């Protein structure tokens, strides 16, 4: 593995559902401390600052640390664990998947189960199983046995998925690319700029609790008070069966990072968006553009509304099978995003940033 693959393996392998980001926070802090001054807000978001040639403008790179997961909601008399989703999950991707309960007694491995097909009625066989009818089986036979293992209500639960380099050597399989891939981008860009002049002060922010309401972005942007913001995300790729058609833009892995020009939660600053598109074109960096009013939220939704407003854009890495135990991303998209970000940041001087809001 090279440095990028090692970084992605470590970040995706760490646990950290919303509100329980300790493990991933410690790992990101380790990487941040080698490139800048590290602080945090009171919710736990990390802020790494690196001054360039000038104190201003302040440029914020935001990527969220938290991943979608689950929480123990109830332990049955027979030792099965009922769970609540933390973040967005489709029910049909859950059954038979392995999970780890982060308990006081250590990491407890189990699998998500439901009534097996042998016991289903004809009517039940034609329906998707609802999360409320699922459970986690850790091999116990009573509530008391589960409690002796240290499992308690509200313990966090994370998917189990090992980072894997796939056969073509260009694509990676892992959990939590949303948004550990964005965290990896922020860390890599900070390292690339460690000994490079840039006409601004750069703040790389790893936010918490994005998947449950963009909460860490709301508090960390108060600390940074940026002049311009770039949100780094993992987003769903649509180059899969059933998605093709003239009415839908096909956003695929290996075609470059994605600039979103219209989202339901945020319309990006059009001058900043144009700077990304034009810079990519000038330097031969492949990008993809979307303007389909995608649903869902990113940290940009609250960052761009901070105080008087912050010129903001979202740069995303396409990921197949997002918000499941396993996603697939392409190395070329990551490398292209790094190159584009480095070139953009070197252009964000006071004059350029002031012009972004010169109406």
Protein backbone atom coordinates (compact mmCIF):
# COMPACT_ATOMS: atom_id res chain seq x y z
CA UNK A 1 0.00 0.00 0.00
CA UNK A 2 1.16 3.55 -0.67
CA UNK A 3 0.55 6.47 1.72
CA UNK A 4 -2.89 7.27 0.35
CA UNK A 5 -4.08 3.68 0.59
CA UNK A 6 -2.71 3.37 4.12
CA UNK A 7 -4.46 6.59 5.11
CA UNK A 8 -7.77 5.45 3.65
CA UNK A 9 -7.44 2.03 5.31
CA UNK A 10 -6.83 3.59 8.72
CA UNK A 11 -9.59 6.18 8.45
CA UNK A 12 -12.27 3.81 7.15
CA UNK A 13 -11.31 1.16 9.68
CA UNK A 14 -11.82 3.46 12.67
CA UNK A 15 -15.18 3.57 14.44
CA UNK A 16 -17.16 6.74 14.94
CA UNK A 17 -20.93 6.99 14.67
CA UNK A 18 -22.45 10.42 15.48
CA UNK A 19 -21.74 11.37 19.08
CA UNK A 20 -19.17 8.57 19.47
CA UNK A 21 -16.31 9.84 17.31
CA UNK A 22 -13.51 9.27 19.87
CA UNK A 23 -11.57 6.66 17.90
CA UNK A 24 -11.67 8.45 14.56
CA UNK A 25 -11.05 11.81 16.26
CA UNK A 26 -7.84 10.54 17.85
CA UNK A 27 -6.64 9.23 14.51
CA UNK A 28 -7.42 12.44 12.61
CA UNK A 29 -5.80 14.48 15.38
CA UNK A 30 -2.60 12.44 14.95
CA UNK A 31 -2.48 13.37 11.27
CA UNK A 32 -3.46 17.01 11.84
CA UNK A 33 -0.77 17.57 14.47
CA UNK A 34 1.97 16.96 11.92
CA UNK A 35 0.84 19.83 9.68
CA UNK A 36 -0.71 22.56 11.81
CA UNK A 37 -2.07 23.87 15.07
CA UNK A 38 -4.96 21.74 16.31
CA UNK A 39 -7.94 22.85 18.40
CA UNK A 40 -11.55 21.75 18.76
CA UNK A 41 -15.03 23.01 19.42
CA UNK A 42 -17.18 21.87 22.33
CA UNK A 43 -19.01 19.20 20.31
CA UNK A 44 -15.71 17.56 19.38
CA UNK A 45 -15.00 18.76 15.83
CA UNK A 46 -11.27 19.10 15.14
CA UNK A 47 -9.79 22.25 13.63
CA UNK A 48 -6.30 22.29 12.12
CA UNK A 49 -4.99 25.71 11.11
CA UNK A 50 -2.00 26.46 8.89
CA UNK A 51 -1.08 30.06 8.19
CA UNK A 52 0.17 30.84 4.72
CA UNK A 53 1.56 34.14 3.51
CA UNK A 54 -1.24 36.13 5.14
CA UNK A 55 -3.68 35.73 8.03
CA UNK A 56 -6.63 36.41 5.75
CA UNK A 57 -8.65 35.31 3.91
CA UNK A 58 -9.54 32.29 6.03
CA UNK A 59 -10.24 29.20 3.93
CA UNK A 60 -12.20 26.35 5.53
CA UNK A 61 -11.98 22.76 4.29
CA UNK A 62 -14.76 20.79 5.99
CA UNK A 63 -15.18 17.00 6.05
CA UNK A 64 -17.20 15.05 8.57
CA UNK A 65 -15.69 12.32 10.74
CA UNK A 66 -18.84 10.48 11.70
CA UNK A 67 -20.21 7.45 9.86
CA UNK A 68 -23.68 5.94 9.69
CA UNK A 69 -24.23 3.18 12.19
CA UNK A 70 -26.61 1.99 14.88
CA UNK A 71 -27.29 2.12 18.60
CA UNK A 72 -28.54 -0.52 21.03
CA UNK A 73 -32.19 0.26 21.79
CA UNK A 74 -33.33 -2.85 23.68
CA UNK A 75 -32.09 -6.28 24.82
CA UNK A 76 -34.71 -9.03 24.63
CA UNK A 77 -35.26 -11.68 27.29
CA UNK A 78 -33.61 -14.25 25.01
CA UNK A 79 -30.47 -12.16 24.42
CA UNK A 80 -31.21 -10.59 21.06
CA UNK A 81 -30.33 -6.93 20.56
CA UNK A 82 -32.75 -4.52 18.98
CA UNK A 83 -31.19 -1.47 17.40
CA UNK A 84 -31.94 2.02 16.13
CA UNK A 85 -30.27 3.47 13.03
CA UNK A 86 -28.00 6.47 13.53
CA UNK A 87 -27.94 8.14 10.13
CA UNK A 88 -29.66 7.05 6.94
CA UNK A 89 -29.96 3.32 6.15
CA UNK A 90 -32.02 1.41 3.59
CA UNK A 91 -33.52 -1.64 5.25
CA UNK A 92 -32.68 -3.99 2.39
CA UNK A 93 -28.89 -3.58 2.81
CA UNK A 94 -28.85 -4.70 6.45
CA UNK A 95 -29.73 -8.39 6.73
CA UNK A 96 -26.92 -10.92 7.34
CA UNK A 97 -24.30 -8.18 7.73
CA UNK A 98 -21.75 -8.31 10.54
CA UNK A 99 -21.61 -5.50 13.08
CA UNK A 100 -19.56 -4.63 16.15
CA UNK A 101 -21.08 -3.34 19.37
CA UNK A 102 -18.71 -0.96 21.17
CA UNK A 103 -19.52 -2.06 24.72
CA UNK A 104 -17.99 -1.43 28.12
CA UNK A 105 -16.68 -5.00 27.94
CA UNK A 106 -14.99 -4.42 24.59
CA UNK A 107 -15.98 -4.93 20.98
CA UNK A 108 -18.77 -7.52 20.66
CA UNK A 109 -19.26 -9.06 17.21
CA UNK A 110 -22.67 -10.08 15.92
CA UNK A 111 -24.83 -10.25 12.82
CA UNK A 112 -28.10 -8.64 11.79
CA UNK A 113 -30.86 -11.22 11.47
CA UNK A 114 -34.61 -11.61 11.05
CA UNK A 115 -37.15 -14.41 10.79
CA UNK A 116 -35.62 -16.90 8.29
CA UNK A 117 -37.43 -17.65 5.02
CA UNK A 118 -38.44 -21.14 6.18
CA UNK A 119 -40.79 -19.58 8.73
CA UNK A 120 -42.29 -16.85 6.53
CA UNK A 121 -45.85 -16.88 5.26
CA UNK A 122 -46.49 -16.39 1.54
CA UNK A 123 -47.55 -12.81 2.27
CA UNK A 124 -44.37 -12.11 4.28
CA UNK A 125 -42.13 -13.50 1.53
CA UNK A 126 -43.28 -10.76 -0.84
CA UNK A 127 -42.33 -7.91 1.51
CA UNK A 128 -39.07 -6.26 2.48
CA UNK A 129 -38.13 -6.84 6.09
CA UNK A 130 -38.44 -3.68 8.17
CA UNK A 131 -35.67 -2.63 10.58
CA UNK A 132 -38.09 -2.95 13.47
CA UNK A 133 -38.33 -6.67 12.74
CA UNK A 134 -34.56 -7.17 12.68
CA UNK A 135 -32.22 -7.89 15.56
CA UNK A 136 -28.54 -8.38 16.24
CA UNK A 137 -27.52 -11.89 17.26
CA UNK A 138 -24.29 -12.12 19.28
CA UNK A 139 -24.80 -15.80 20.13
CA UNK A 140 -26.30 -15.16 23.56
CA UNK A 141 -29.32 -16.95 25.02
CA UNK A 142 -30.50 -14.50 27.67
CA UNK A 143 -30.57 -10.82 28.58
CA UNK A 144 -28.41 -11.57 31.60
CA UNK A 145 -25.71 -13.13 29.43
CA UNK A 146 -25.67 -10.07 27.17
CA UNK A 147 -25.42 -7.76 30.15
CA UNK A 148 -22.53 -9.78 31.58
CA UNK A 149 -20.71 -9.16 28.29
CA UNK A 150 -20.99 -5.45 29.05
CA UNK A 151 -23.62 -4.49 26.45
CA UNK A 152 -25.91 -1.66 27.47
CA UNK A 153 -28.73 0.34 25.93
CA UNK A 154 -27.31 3.23 23.83
CA UNK A 155 -24.01 1.46 23.07
CA UNK A 156 -22.82 2.41 19.55
CA UNK A 157 -22.80 -0.21 16.80
CA UNK A 158 -20.65 0.00 13.66
CA UNK A 159 -20.59 -2.00 10.42
CA UNK A 160 -17.73 -4.45 9.95
CA UNK A 161 -15.94 -4.04 6.63
CA UNK A 162 -12.25 -4.45 5.84
CA UNK A 163 -10.55 -1.98 3.51
CA UNK A 164 -9.73 -3.90 0.33
CA UNK A 165 -7.87 -2.96 -2.83
CA UNK A 166 -9.90 -4.54 -5.62
CA UNK A 167 -8.49 -6.63 -8.48
CA UNK A 168 -7.87 -3.78 -10.93
CA UNK A 169 -5.68 -2.02 -8.37
CA UNK A 170 -7.53 1.25 -8.97
CA UNK A 171 -10.66 0.87 -6.85
CA UNK A 172 -11.15 0.42 -3.13
CA UNK A 173 -13.86 -1.33 -1.09
CA UNK A 174 -14.59 -0.21 2.48
CA UNK A 175 -17.17 1.23 4.84
CA UNK A 176 -17.46 4.93 5.69
CA UNK A 177 -16.05 6.51 2.54
CA UNK A 178 -18.82 8.98 3.42
CA UNK A 179 -16.96 10.82 4.70
CA UNK A 180 -13.60 9.38 5.65
CA UNK A 181 -12.61 9.94 2.01
CA UNK A 182 -13.24 13.64 2.60
CA UNK A 183 -11.15 13.54 5.78
CA UNK A 184 -8.35 11.88 3.80
CA UNK A 185 -8.58 14.67 1.21
CA UNK A 186 -8.26 17.34 3.90
CA UNK A 187 -5.25 15.62 5.48
CA UNK A 188 -3.55 15.05 2.13
CA UNK A 189 -4.06 18.63 0.97
CA UNK A 190 -2.71 20.01 4.23
CA UNK A 191 0.39 17.87 3.78
CA UNK A 192 0.79 18.93 0.15
CA UNK A 193 0.72 22.58 1.23
CA UNK A 194 3.00 22.10 4.22
CA UNK A 195 5.98 23.69 2.44
CA UNK A 196 4.12 25.54 -0.30
CA UNK A 197 3.17 29.21 -0.31
CA UNK A 198 -0.52 30.00 -0.26
CA UNK A 199 -2.03 33.51 0.12
CA UNK A 200 -4.39 32.73 2.99
CA UNK A 201 -4.75 30.84 6.24
CA UNK A 202 -6.09 27.34 5.79
CA UNK A 203 -8.38 25.59 8.27
CA UNK A 204 -8.98 21.86 7.83
CA UNK A 205 -12.00 20.90 9.92
CA UNK A 206 -13.13 17.36 10.70
CA UNK A 207 -16.70 17.80 11.88
CA UNK A 208 -18.86 15.57 14.08
CA UNK A 209 -22.52 14.56 13.90
CA UNK A 210 -23.05 15.45 10.24
CA UNK A 211 -25.20 12.38 9.61
CA UNK A 212 -27.77 13.44 12.21
CA UNK A 213 -28.21 17.11 11.38
CA UNK A 214 -24.93 18.82 10.40
CA UNK A 215 -24.31 19.67 14.04
CA UNK A 216 -20.52 19.83 14.12
CA UNK A 217 -20.46 22.16 11.13
CA UNK A 218 -22.77 24.54 12.94
CA UNK A 219 -20.42 24.87 15.92
CA UNK A 220 -17.04 24.65 14.17
CA UNK A 221 -17.88 27.37 11.65
CA UNK A 222 -18.43 29.68 14.61
CA UNK A 223 -14.86 28.99 15.75
CA UNK A 224 -13.27 29.41 12.31
CA UNK A 225 -15.50 32.22 10.96
CA UNK A 226 -14.24 31.57 7.43
CA UNK A 227 -14.21 33.88 4.43
CA UNK A 228 -14.68 30.98 2.02
CA UNK A 229 -15.47 27.28 2.50
CA UNK A 230 -14.97 24.06 0.56
CA UNK A 231 -16.96 21.07 1.76
CA UNK A 232 -15.36 17.69 1.00
CA UNK A 233 -17.84 14.82 0.71
CA UNK A 234 -18.49 11.30 -0.46
CA UNK A 235 -21.59 11.13 -2.65
CA UNK A 236 -23.53 8.40 -4.41
CA UNK A 237 -22.32 7.27 -7.84
CA UNK A 238 -25.00 6.42 -10.40
CA UNK A 239 -22.99 4.28 -12.84
CA UNK A 240 -24.83 1.15 -11.77
CA UNK A 241 -27.56 -0.99 -13.41
CA UNK A 242 -30.96 0.65 -13.52
CA UNK A 243 -29.69 4.24 -13.41
CA UNK A 244 -28.87 4.98 -17.06
CA UNK A 245 -31.09 7.22 -19.15
CA UNK A 246 -31.05 10.51 -21.00
CA UNK A 247 -33.05 12.17 -18.24
CA UNK A 248 -30.37 11.44 -15.61
CA UNK A 249 -26.72 12.44 -15.62
CA UNK A 250 -24.60 9.36 -14.97
CA UNK A 251 -22.00 10.22 -12.34
CA UNK A 252 -19.45 7.46 -12.32
CA UNK A 253 -16.37 6.42 -10.43
CA UNK A 254 -13.07 7.09 -12.20
CA UNK A 255 -14.42 10.13 -14.05
CA UNK A 256 -13.22 12.74 -11.56
CA UNK A 257 -14.56 14.49 -8.46
CA UNK A 258 -17.99 16.10 -8.63
CA UNK A 259 -18.84 19.80 -8.41
CA UNK A 260 -22.48 20.27 -7.42
CA UNK A 261 -24.03 23.43 -8.84
CA UNK A 262 -27.46 22.99 -7.28
CA UNK A 263 -28.53 21.11 -4.16
CA UNK A 264 -31.79 21.27 -2.27
CA UNK A 265 -29.91 22.33 0.87
CA UNK A 266 -27.53 24.84 -0.74
CA UNK A 267 -26.93 26.79 -3.93
CA UNK A 268 -23.16 27.25 -4.09
CA UNK A 269 -21.49 30.56 -4.78
CA UNK A 270 -21.44 30.59 -8.61
CA UNK A 271 -18.14 32.49 -8.88
CA UNK A 272 -16.46 29.93 -6.64
CA UNK A 273 -18.02 27.08 -8.63
CA UNK A 274 -16.79 28.65 -11.86
CA UNK A 275 -13.30 28.93 -10.38
CA UNK A 276 -13.30 25.18 -9.77
CA UNK A 277 -14.63 24.35 -13.23
CA UNK A 278 -12.26 26.74 -15.01
CA UNK A 279 -9.21 25.66 -13.01
CA UNK A 280 -9.93 22.00 -13.74
CA UNK A 281 -10.21 22.78 -17.44
CA UNK A 282 -7.00 24.81 -17.52
CA UNK A 283 -4.97 22.05 -15.89
CA UNK A 284 -6.54 19.04 -17.54
CA UNK A 285 -8.12 17.72 -14.33
CA UNK A 286 -11.19 15.56 -14.98
CA UNK A 287 -14.29 16.63 -13.07
CA UNK A 288 -18.00 15.90 -13.18
CA UNK A 289 -20.74 18.48 -12.76
CA UNK A 290 -24.21 17.96 -11.38
CA UNK A 291 -27.18 20.31 -11.05
CA UNK A 292 -30.06 17.97 -10.29
CA UNK A 293 -31.14 19.34 -6.94
CA UNK A 294 -29.85 16.28 -5.11
CA UNK A 295 -31.61 15.51 -1.84
CA UNK A 296 -29.84 15.13 1.47
CA UNK A 297 -27.63 17.54 3.33
CA UNK A 298 -23.96 18.40 3.62
CA UNK A 299 -22.08 20.57 6.09
CA UNK A 300 -22.27 23.29 3.46
CA UNK A 301 -25.95 23.80 4.26
CA UNK A 302 -25.11 25.46 7.58
CA UNK A 303 -21.67 26.79 6.70
CA UNK A 304 -22.88 28.93 3.79
CA UNK A 305 -25.48 30.59 6.06
CA UNK A 306 -22.98 31.50 8.78
CA UNK A 307 -23.38 35.12 9.93
CA UNK A 308 -23.41 37.34 6.81
CA UNK A 309 -22.92 34.32 4.55
CA UNK A 310 -19.89 32.32 3.40
CA UNK A 311 -19.10 31.59 -0.27
CA UNK A 312 -19.22 27.78 -0.27
CA UNK A 313 -18.86 24.93 -2.73
CA UNK A 314 -19.15 21.14 -2.32
CA UNK A 315 -16.49 18.92 -3.90
CA UNK A 316 -17.48 15.26 -3.72
CA UNK A 317 -15.91 11.90 -4.47
CA UNK A 318 -18.34 9.49 -6.17
CA UNK A 319 -18.90 6.28 -4.20
CA UNK A 320 -20.96 3.29 -5.30
CA UNK A 321 -23.30 1.71 -2.72
CA UNK A 322 -23.03 4.63 -0.30
CA UNK A 323 -24.61 4.32 3.18
CA UNK A 324 -24.13 0.59 3.35
CA UNK A 325 -21.54 -1.78 4.82
CA UNK A 326 -19.39 -1.52 1.70
CA UNK A 327 -18.75 1.32 -0.73
CA UNK A 328 -16.49 1.43 -3.78
CA UNK A 329 -14.40 4.47 -4.78
CA UNK A 330 -11.76 5.09 -7.46
CA UNK A 331 -8.24 6.28 -6.77
CA UNK A 332 -8.19 8.58 -9.83
CA UNK A 333 -11.07 10.62 -8.36
CA UNK A 334 -9.16 11.09 -5.12
CA UNK A 335 -5.93 12.13 -6.82
CA UNK A 336 -7.78 14.52 -9.14
CA UNK A 337 -9.53 16.15 -6.17
CA UNK A 338 -6.20 16.68 -4.39
CA UNK A 339 -4.64 18.34 -7.45
CA UNK A 340 -7.65 20.58 -7.96
CA UNK A 341 -7.83 21.63 -4.31
CA UNK A 342 -4.14 22.52 -4.14
CA UNK A 343 -4.44 24.72 -7.24
CA UNK A 344 -7.64 26.36 -6.01
CA UNK A 345 -6.25 27.16 -2.55
CA UNK A 346 -3.19 28.81 -4.10
CA UNK A 347 -5.54 31.19 -5.95
CA UNK A 348 -7.66 32.20 -2.96
CA UNK A 349 -6.00 35.49 -2.10
CA UNK A 350 -7.82 38.45 -0.55
CA UNK A 351 -8.74 40.00 -3.89
CA UNK A 352 -10.17 36.77 -5.31
CA UNK A 353 -12.18 35.98 -2.17
CA UNK A 354 -13.52 39.54 -1.90
CA UNK A 355 -14.65 39.34 -5.53
CA UNK A 356 -16.72 36.22 -4.77
CA UNK A 357 -19.30 38.42 -3.04
CA UNK A 358 -18.90 41.58 -5.11
CA UNK A 359 -22.48 41.75 -6.36
